[in-house]
Amino acid sequence: MQQQEESGKRLVSTWTADIVVAAIMAFIGGIVMMDSVRLGMGWSEYGPESGYFPFYIGLAITGTSLCTIAITVFSRSRDGGTFVERQQFADVLKVLVPSAIFVIAIGFIGIYVSAALFIGAFMRWLGRFPWYLIAIVSLTVPFALFLLFEIWFLVPLPKGPLEDFLGY
């Protein structure tokens, strides 16, 4: 453990991650509770009001998060080990950043074109697959999803300029 800290590989400790995540969850629980009070969290003559159950779920989230913070802060060991190292974080970003770009691109070019580009980029960048296989998979999967959702289930998914051009 000492050698790992000296090499500078550790990016975040488990102790820090526990506190940050618990604080974020406590904040979210507080928002849920406040909005539940706005909706009405009591009991009416017809039964529970619309904010009744969400209020208590928010209370449970906030309470357990505050307990997690207290347990972590007052624990004997402040170290708690390594939560994530630099290389692990870089690997997470290799997936997170393209995924975020994919989600944003859906609003501009539609889900099918975005999916084709996303699949193709991942196959080439991380998988180093040959171009012919990338073309087959990255075009077949969105086409199959189009058939499944649009034709079979009749569930429209976000479309872009290509689908408008094709008249669908």
C-alpha atoms as a PDB file:
ATOM      1  CA  MET A   1       0.000   0.000   0.000  1.00  0.00           C
ATOM      2  CA  GLN A   2       2.791   2.437   0.912  1.00  0.00           C
ATOM      3  CA  GLN A   3       4.665   1.682  -2.294  1.00  0.00           C
ATOM      4  CA  GLN A   4       1.532   2.366  -4.336  1.00  0.00           C
ATOM      5  CA  GLU A   5       1.077   5.821  -2.802  1.00  0.00           C
ATOM      6  CA  GLU A   6       4.732   6.712  -3.394  1.00  0.00           C
ATOM      7  CA  SER A   7       4.505   5.833  -7.078  1.00  0.00           C
ATOM      8  CA  GLY A   8       1.657   8.315  -7.582  1.00  0.00           C
ATOM      9  CA  LYS A   9      -0.691   5.811  -9.181  1.00  0.00           C
ATOM     10  CA  ARG A  10      -3.513   6.405  -6.713  1.00  0.00           C
ATOM     11  CA  LEU A  11      -5.999   8.989  -7.931  1.00  0.00           C
ATOM     12  CA  VAL A  12      -8.769   8.705  -5.317  1.00  0.00           C
ATOM     13  CA  SER A  13      -8.891   6.910  -1.988  1.00  0.00           C
ATOM     14  CA  THR A  14     -11.868   4.837  -0.907  1.00  0.00           C
ATOM     15  CA  TRP A  15     -12.316   7.166   2.089  1.00  0.00           C
ATOM     16  CA  THR A  16     -12.723  10.193  -0.186  1.00  0.00           C
ATOM     17  CA  ALA A  17     -14.993   8.374  -2.615  1.00  0.00           C
ATOM     18  CA  ASP A  18     -17.258   7.196   0.228  1.00  0.00           C
ATOM     19  CA  ILE A  19     -17.705  10.730   1.525  1.00  0.00           C
ATOM     20  CA  VAL A  20     -18.228  12.358  -1.879  1.00  0.00           C
ATOM     21  CA  VAL A  21     -20.763   9.788  -3.091  1.00  0.00           C
ATOM     22  CA  ALA A  22     -22.632   9.797   0.232  1.00  0.00           C
ATOM     23  CA  ALA A  23     -22.797  13.620   0.170  1.00  0.00           C
ATOM     24  CA  ILE A  24     -24.170  13.598  -3.379  1.00  0.00           C
ATOM     25  CA  MET A  25     -26.758  10.980  -2.428  1.00  0.00           C
ATOM     26  CA  ALA A  26     -27.755  12.950   0.700  1.00  0.00           C
ATOM     27  CA  PHE A  27     -28.234  16.023  -1.488  1.00  0.00           C
ATOM     28  CA  ILE A  28     -30.423  14.075  -3.942  1.00  0.00           C
ATOM     29  CA  GLY A  29     -32.433  12.614  -1.047  1.00  0.00           C
ATOM     30  CA  GLY A  30     -32.964  16.126   0.314  1.00  0.00           C
ATOM     31  CA  ILE A  31     -34.257  17.318  -3.056  1.00  0.00           C
ATOM     32  CA  VAL A  32     -36.672  14.380  -3.203  1.00  0.00           C
ATOM     33  CA  MET A  33     -37.928  15.191   0.293  1.00  0.00           C
ATOM     34  CA  MET A  34     -38.403  18.902  -0.485  1.00  0.00           C
ATOM     35  CA  ASP A  35     -40.326  18.173  -3.667  1.00  0.00           C
ATOM     36  CA  SER A  36     -42.432  15.569  -1.872  1.00  0.00           C
ATOM     37  CA  VAL A  37     -43.451  18.184   0.691  1.00  0.00           C
ATOM     38  CA  ARG A  38     -44.430  20.474  -2.198  1.00  0.00           C
ATOM     39  CA  LEU A  39     -46.570  17.705  -3.714  1.00  0.00           C
ATOM     40  CA  GLY A  40     -48.123  16.776  -0.411  1.00  0.00           C
ATOM     41  CA  MET A  41     -46.615  14.022   1.672  1.00  0.00           C
ATOM     42  CA  GLY A  42     -49.407  13.419   4.091  1.00  0.00           C
ATOM     43  CA  TRP A  43     -52.368  11.120   4.230  1.00  0.00           C
ATOM     44  CA  SER A  44     -55.665  12.284   2.755  1.00  0.00           C
ATOM     45  CA  GLU A  45     -59.117  10.810   3.041  1.00  0.00           C
ATOM     46  CA  TYR A  46     -58.384   8.888  -0.173  1.00  0.00           C
ATOM     47  CA  GLY A  47     -55.077   7.488   1.000  1.00  0.00           C
ATOM     48  CA  PRO A  48     -51.492   8.642   0.652  1.00  0.00           C
ATOM     49  CA  GLU A  49     -50.857  11.856  -1.233  1.00  0.00           C
ATOM     50  CA  SER A  50     -48.567  11.819  -4.247  1.00  0.00           C
ATOM     51  CA  GLY A  51     -45.466  12.784  -2.262  1.00  0.00           C
ATOM     52  CA  TYR A  52     -45.990  10.325   0.591  1.00  0.00           C
ATOM     53  CA  PHE A  53     -43.839   7.406  -0.582  1.00  0.00           C
ATOM     54  CA  PRO A  54     -41.170   9.527  -2.333  1.00  0.00           C
ATOM     55  CA  PHE A  55     -40.716  11.535   0.886  1.00  0.00           C
ATOM     56  CA  TYR A  56     -39.885   8.451   2.907  1.00  0.00           C
ATOM     57  CA  ILE A  57     -37.638   7.078   0.185  1.00  0.00           C
ATOM     58  CA  GLY A  58     -35.803  10.439   0.170  1.00  0.00           C
ATOM     59  CA  LEU A  59     -35.622  10.285   3.961  1.00  0.00           C
ATOM     60  CA  ALA A  60     -34.102   6.799   3.815  1.00  0.00           C
ATOM     61  CA  ILE A  61     -31.577   7.884   1.161  1.00  0.00           C
ATOM     62  CA  THR A  62     -30.596  10.966   3.165  1.00  0.00           C
ATOM     63  CA  GLY A  63     -30.418   9.089   6.464  1.00  0.00           C
ATOM     64  CA  THR A  64     -28.298   6.243   5.163  1.00  0.00           C
ATOM     65  CA  SER A  65     -26.030   8.670   3.321  1.00  0.00           C
ATOM     66  CA  LEU A  66     -25.454  10.728   6.461  1.00  0.00           C
ATOM     67  CA  CYS A  67     -24.745   7.521   8.382  1.00  0.00           C
ATOM     68  CA  THR A  68     -22.217   6.528   5.723  1.00  0.00           C
ATOM     69  CA  ILE A  69     -20.507   9.910   6.060  1.00  0.00           C
ATOM     70  CA  ALA A  70     -20.411   9.600   9.864  1.00  0.00           C
ATOM     71  CA  ILE A  71     -19.068   6.040   9.788  1.00  0.00           C
ATOM     72  CA  THR A  72     -16.414   7.021   7.251  1.00  0.00           C
ATOM     73  CA  VAL A  73     -15.319  10.194   9.061  1.00  0.00           C
ATOM     74  CA  PHE A  74     -15.122   8.533  12.472  1.00  0.00           C
ATOM     75  CA  SER A  75     -13.491   5.332  11.275  1.00  0.00           C
ATOM     76  CA  ARG A  76     -10.091   4.477  12.685  1.00  0.00           C
ATOM     77  CA  SER A  77      -8.435   4.103   9.321  1.00  0.00           C
ATOM     78  CA  ARG A  78      -8.492   7.195   7.113  1.00  0.00           C
ATOM     79  CA  ASP A  79      -6.756   5.379   4.288  1.00  0.00           C
ATOM     80  CA  GLY A  80      -9.290   2.694   3.370  1.00  0.00           C
ATOM     81  CA  GLY A  81      -7.289   1.695   0.318  1.00  0.00           C
ATOM     82  CA  THR A  82      -7.325   2.834  -3.257  1.00  0.00           C
ATOM     83  CA  PHE A  83     -10.670   3.476  -4.900  1.00  0.00           C
ATOM     84  CA  VAL A  84      -9.317   4.194  -8.357  1.00  0.00           C
ATOM     85  CA  GLU A  85      -5.867   4.446  -9.864  1.00  0.00           C
ATOM     86  CA  ARG A  86      -4.923   6.710 -12.746  1.00  0.00           C
ATOM     87  CA  GLN A  87      -4.916   3.928 -15.357  1.00  0.00           C
ATOM     88  CA  GLN A  88      -8.275   2.602 -14.171  1.00  0.00           C
ATOM     89  CA  PHE A  89      -9.747   6.101 -14.366  1.00  0.00           C
ATOM     90  CA  ALA A  90      -8.333   6.511 -17.868  1.00  0.00           C
ATOM     91  CA  ASP A  91     -10.014   3.236 -18.869  1.00  0.00           C
ATOM     92  CA  VAL A  92     -13.341   4.484 -17.488  1.00  0.00           C
ATOM     93  CA  LEU A  93     -12.985   7.738 -19.429  1.00  0.00           C
ATOM     94  CA  LYS A  94     -12.353   5.739 -22.628  1.00  0.00           C
ATOM     95  CA  VAL A  95     -15.925   4.505 -22.318  1.00  0.00           C
ATOM     96  CA  LEU A  96     -17.596   7.435 -20.551  1.00  0.00           C
ATOM     97  CA  VAL A  97     -16.570  10.221 -22.947  1.00  0.00           C
ATOM     98  CA  PRO A  98     -17.624   8.447 -26.177  1.00  0.00           C
ATOM     99  CA  SER A  99     -20.855   7.343 -24.475  1.00  0.00           C
ATOM    100  CA  ALA A 100     -21.650  10.942 -23.525  1.00  0.00           C
ATOM    101  CA  ILE A 101     -20.904  12.057 -27.093  1.00  0.00           C
ATOM    102  CA  PHE A 102     -23.208   9.284 -28.362  1.00  0.00           C
ATOM    103  CA  VAL A 103     -26.066  10.470 -26.141  1.00  0.00           C
ATOM    104  CA  ILE A 104     -25.609  14.094 -27.221  1.00  0.00           C
ATOM    105  CA  ALA A 105     -25.373  13.094 -30.902  1.00  0.00           C
ATOM    106  CA  ILE A 106     -28.746  11.320 -30.716  1.00  0.00           C
ATOM    107  CA  GLY A 107     -30.439  14.718 -30.463  1.00  0.00           C
ATOM    108  CA  PHE A 108     -28.753  15.950 -33.654  1.00  0.00           C
ATOM    109  CA  ILE A 109     -28.365  12.956 -35.987  1.00  0.00           C
ATOM    110  CA  GLY A 110     -30.800  10.422 -34.513  1.00  0.00           C
ATOM    111  CA  ILE A 111     -30.267   7.209 -32.638  1.00  0.00           C
ATOM    112  CA  TYR A 112     -29.614   4.954 -35.620  1.00  0.00           C
ATOM    113  CA  VAL A 113     -26.823   6.978 -37.218  1.00  0.00           C
ATOM    114  CA  SER A 114     -25.349   7.713 -33.775  1.00  0.00           C
ATOM    115  CA  ALA A 115     -25.409   4.004 -32.939  1.00  0.00           C
ATOM    116  CA  ALA A 116     -23.679   3.099 -36.206  1.00  0.00           C
ATOM    117  CA  LEU A 117     -20.919   5.640 -35.572  1.00  0.00           C
ATOM    118  CA  PHE A 118     -20.619   4.653 -31.910  1.00  0.00           C
ATOM    119  CA  ILE A 119     -20.353   0.930 -32.630  1.00  0.00           C
ATOM    120  CA  GLY A 120     -17.933   1.490 -35.504  1.00  0.00           C
ATOM    121  CA  ALA A 121     -15.713   3.829 -33.481  1.00  0.00           C
ATOM    122  CA  PHE A 122     -15.533   1.436 -30.552  1.00  0.00           C
ATOM    123  CA  MET A 123     -14.838  -1.557 -32.737  1.00  0.00           C
ATOM    124  CA  ARG A 124     -11.948   0.250 -34.425  1.00  0.00           C
ATOM    125  CA  TRP A 125     -10.536   2.167 -31.449  1.00  0.00           C
ATOM    126  CA  LEU A 126     -10.738  -0.397 -28.666  1.00  0.00           C
ATOM    127  CA  GLY A 127     -11.175  -3.646 -30.575  1.00  0.00           C
ATOM    128  CA  ARG A 128      -8.911  -3.004 -33.576  1.00  0.00           C
ATOM    129  CA  PHE A 129     -11.286  -4.983 -35.787  1.00  0.00           C
ATOM    130  CA  PRO A 130     -10.833  -4.977 -39.578  1.00  0.00           C
ATOM    131  CA  TRP A 131     -12.808  -2.395 -41.551  1.00  0.00           C
ATOM    132  CA  TYR A 132     -15.043  -4.910 -43.340  1.00  0.00           C
ATOM    133  CA  LEU A 133     -16.238  -6.347 -40.005  1.00  0.00           C
ATOM    134  CA  ILE A 134     -16.780  -2.854 -38.594  1.00  0.00           C
ATOM    135  CA  ALA A 135     -18.920  -1.957 -41.619  1.00  0.00           C
ATOM    136  CA  ILE A 136     -21.012  -5.109 -41.324  1.00  0.00           C
ATOM    137  CA  VAL A 137     -21.685  -4.852 -37.586  1.00  0.00           C
ATOM    138  CA  SER A 138     -22.056  -1.079 -37.291  1.00  0.00           C
ATOM    139  CA  LEU A 139     -24.629  -1.018 -40.097  1.00  0.00           C
ATOM    140  CA  THR A 140     -26.458  -4.268 -39.298  1.00  0.00           C
ATOM    141  CA  VAL A 141     -27.102  -3.582 -35.593  1.00  0.00           C
ATOM    142  CA  PRO A 142     -28.823  -0.184 -36.053  1.00  0.00           C
ATOM    143  CA  PHE A 143     -30.788  -1.559 -39.015  1.00  0.00           C
ATOM    144  CA  ALA A 144     -31.946  -4.521 -36.910  1.00  0.00           C
ATOM    145  CA  LEU A 145     -32.893  -2.141 -34.088  1.00  0.00           C
ATOM    146  CA  PHE A 146     -34.811   0.001 -36.584  1.00  0.00           C
ATOM    147  CA  LEU A 147     -36.767  -3.040 -37.754  1.00  0.00           C
ATOM    148  CA  LEU A 148     -37.373  -4.195 -34.189  1.00  0.00           C
ATOM    149  CA  PHE A 149     -38.547  -0.920 -32.707  1.00  0.00           C
ATOM    150  CA  GLU A 150     -40.048   1.013 -35.626  1.00  0.00           C
ATOM    151  CA  ILE A 151     -41.618  -1.833 -37.608  1.00  0.00           C
ATOM    152  CA  TRP A 152     -42.298  -4.652 -35.169  1.00  0.00           C
ATOM    153  CA  PHE A 153     -42.996  -2.863 -31.848  1.00  0.00           C
ATOM    154  CA  LEU A 154     -44.171   0.398 -33.477  1.00  0.00           C
ATOM    155  CA  VAL A 155     -42.102   2.390 -30.985  1.00  0.00           C
ATOM    156  CA  PRO A 156     -40.621   5.499 -32.583  1.00  0.00           C
ATOM    157  CA  LEU A 157     -37.090   6.326 -31.498  1.00  0.00           C
ATOM    158  CA  PRO A 158     -35.315   9.675 -32.040  1.00  0.00           C
ATOM    159  CA  LYS A 159     -34.613  10.207 -35.706  1.00  0.00           C
ATOM    160  CA  GLY A 160     -32.258  12.553 -37.497  1.00  0.00           C
ATOM    161  CA  PRO A 161     -31.793  14.048 -40.951  1.00  0.00           C
ATOM    162  CA  LEU A 162     -31.084  10.674 -42.610  1.00  0.00           C
ATOM    163  CA  GLU A 163     -34.446   9.243 -41.596  1.00  0.00           C
ATOM    164  CA  ASP A 164     -36.174  12.474 -42.684  1.00  0.00           C
ATOM    165  CA  PHE A 165     -34.406  12.239 -46.051  1.00  0.00           C
ATOM    166  CA  LEU A 166     -35.489   8.607 -46.426  1.00  0.00           C
ATOM    167  CA  GLY A 167     -39.080   9.555 -45.540  1.00  0.00           C
ATOM    168  CA  TYR A 168     -39.411   7.596 -42.347  1.00  0.00           C
END
